[in-house]
Amino acid sequence: MEGSANIIQTRLRIVSAALEETLIATRALEGIKDFQKGTETLIPIGAGSFLRVELADIEKVITGVGAGVCVEKSVDSSILSLKDRQTELEKLSSSLQQQLGQLSTSVESSKDNLARLVQQQNEPPARN
């Protein structure tokens, strides 16, 4: 059971990371909607590093749709897709947290039962 709990915790961390990434992408697209073509901005590339770029096209975004497939969509359509993904990830996170809670309760109950059995086994037999 503890192994299953560890697996669920790992899945929960992965879902949380995907949710955070989705929220960041949504905020970025919502922020860029009002920019004008040619606006200079900084694009994060990781490790605290940025590229200074000039926006050439702010009408279309290339968005991942799963299984390594990306499509070109409008900014608004991409935001809607990301919000749908966010909703699904939140549902999955909630489900995993519920499973983890149930499993943790079961593990604790099993540990209590085992401790009680060990204690009973170690007690001297009652005399008549």
Protein backbone atom coordinates (compact mmCIF):
# COMPACT_ATOMS: atom_id res chain seq x y z
CA MET A 1 0.00 0.00 0.00
CA GLU A 2 2.85 2.38 0.76
CA GLY A 3 4.27 1.66 -2.71
CA SER A 4 0.91 2.59 -4.24
CA ALA A 5 0.86 5.78 -2.16
CA ASN A 6 4.33 6.69 -3.47
CA ILE A 7 3.15 6.14 -7.05
CA ILE A 8 0.12 8.37 -6.50
CA GLN A 9 2.34 11.06 -4.92
CA THR A 10 4.63 10.94 -7.98
CA ARG A 11 1.64 11.25 -10.32
CA LEU A 12 0.33 14.13 -8.22
CA ARG A 13 3.67 15.98 -8.56
CA ILE A 14 3.59 15.47 -12.35
CA VAL A 15 0.01 16.74 -12.57
CA SER A 16 0.88 19.73 -10.37
CA ALA A 17 3.82 20.62 -12.63
CA ALA A 18 1.63 20.33 -15.74
CA LEU A 19 -1.02 22.49 -14.08
CA GLU A 20 1.54 25.16 -13.17
CA GLU A 21 2.89 25.14 -16.73
CA THR A 22 -0.65 25.51 -18.09
CA LEU A 23 -1.38 28.43 -15.76
CA ILE A 24 1.84 30.18 -16.82
CA ALA A 25 1.03 29.72 -20.51
CA THR A 26 -2.52 31.01 -20.00
CA ARG A 27 -1.28 34.11 -18.17
CA ALA A 28 1.32 34.75 -20.88
CA LEU A 29 -1.27 34.54 -23.66
CA GLU A 30 -3.73 36.72 -21.75
CA GLY A 31 -0.97 39.27 -21.25
CA ILE A 32 0.15 39.25 -24.87
CA LYS A 33 -3.37 39.67 -26.29
CA ASP A 34 -3.21 43.44 -25.96
CA PHE A 35 0.29 43.85 -27.41
CA GLN A 36 0.80 45.40 -30.82
CA LYS A 37 2.68 43.75 -33.68
CA GLY A 38 6.34 44.71 -33.40
CA THR A 39 6.27 45.06 -29.61
CA GLU A 40 9.60 44.15 -28.06
CA THR A 41 9.40 41.69 -25.17
CA LEU A 42 11.49 39.18 -23.24
CA ILE A 43 10.86 35.47 -23.70
CA PRO A 44 12.07 33.14 -20.91
CA ILE A 45 14.23 30.29 -22.16
CA GLY A 46 14.96 28.72 -18.76
CA ALA A 47 17.54 29.02 -15.99
CA GLY A 48 16.70 32.69 -15.50
CA SER A 49 17.70 33.53 -19.09
CA PHE A 50 15.63 35.50 -21.61
CA LEU A 51 15.64 36.34 -25.30
CA ARG A 52 14.73 39.85 -26.38
CA VAL A 53 12.31 39.46 -29.29
CA GLU A 54 10.03 41.56 -31.43
CA LEU A 55 6.55 40.10 -31.85
CA ALA A 56 5.93 39.38 -35.52
CA ASP A 57 2.50 37.75 -35.24
CA ILE A 58 0.22 38.16 -32.25
CA GLU A 59 -2.89 36.76 -33.92
CA LYS A 60 -1.88 33.09 -34.00
CA VAL A 61 -0.26 30.76 -31.48
CA ILE A 62 1.12 27.27 -31.98
CA THR A 63 -0.44 25.16 -29.24
CA GLY A 64 0.19 21.57 -28.23
CA VAL A 65 -2.92 19.40 -28.38
CA GLY A 66 -1.39 16.18 -27.06
CA ALA A 67 0.64 13.23 -28.31
CA GLY A 68 3.35 15.58 -29.59
CA VAL A 69 0.95 17.29 -32.00
CA CYS A 70 0.79 21.08 -32.27
CA VAL A 71 -1.70 23.22 -34.17
CA GLU A 72 -1.93 26.88 -35.03
CA LYS A 73 -4.81 28.61 -33.29
CA SER A 74 -5.96 32.10 -32.48
CA VAL A 75 -4.84 33.50 -29.15
CA ASP A 76 -8.38 33.35 -27.76
CA SER A 77 -8.86 29.75 -28.92
CA SER A 78 -5.53 28.79 -27.38
CA ILE A 79 -6.53 30.41 -24.09
CA LEU A 80 -9.79 28.45 -24.09
CA SER A 81 -7.91 25.21 -24.80
CA LEU A 82 -5.50 25.91 -21.98
CA LYS A 83 -8.34 26.67 -19.58
CA ASP A 84 -10.02 23.38 -20.57
CA ARG A 85 -6.72 21.59 -19.92
CA GLN A 86 -6.45 23.40 -16.58
CA THR A 87 -9.92 22.17 -15.60
CA GLU A 88 -9.04 18.58 -16.49
CA LEU A 89 -5.75 18.75 -14.59
CA GLU A 90 -7.51 20.18 -11.55
CA LYS A 91 -10.05 17.32 -11.66
CA LEU A 92 -7.23 14.78 -11.97
CA SER A 93 -5.34 16.40 -9.11
CA SER A 94 -8.42 16.30 -6.91
CA SER A 95 -9.01 12.64 -7.76
CA LEU A 96 -5.40 11.74 -6.99
CA GLN A 97 -5.53 13.62 -3.69
CA GLN A 98 -8.70 11.76 -2.76
CA GLN A 99 -7.11 8.40 -3.67
CA LEU A 100 -4.02 9.29 -1.67
CA GLY A 101 -6.13 10.25 1.33
CA GLN A 102 -8.07 6.97 1.19
CA LEU A 103 -4.88 4.98 0.80
CA SER A 104 -3.20 6.82 3.68
CA THR A 105 -6.19 6.09 5.90
CA SER A 106 -6.03 2.43 4.90
CA VAL A 107 -2.26 2.27 5.56
CA GLU A 108 -2.69 3.81 9.01
CA SER A 109 -5.54 1.43 9.83
CA SER A 110 -3.43 -1.54 8.73
CA LYS A 111 -0.49 -0.34 10.83
CA ASP A 112 -2.76 0.04 13.87
CA ASN A 113 -4.19 -3.46 13.35
CA LEU A 114 -0.71 -4.93 12.97
CA ALA A 115 0.54 -3.17 16.11
CA ARG A 116 -2.46 -4.47 18.04
CA LEU A 117 -1.83 -8.03 16.81
CA VAL A 118 1.86 -7.84 17.73
CA GLN A 119 0.96 -6.54 21.18
CA GLN A 120 -1.57 -9.32 21.70
CA GLN A 121 0.96 -11.91 20.61
CA ASN A 122 3.56 -10.56 23.04
CA GLU A 123 1.19 -10.57 26.02
CA PRO A 124 1.45 -13.57 28.33
CA PRO A 125 -1.52 -15.97 28.18
CA ALA A 126 -4.24 -15.35 30.75
CA ARG A 127 -4.35 -17.79 33.70
CA ASN A 128 -7.56 -19.38 34.92
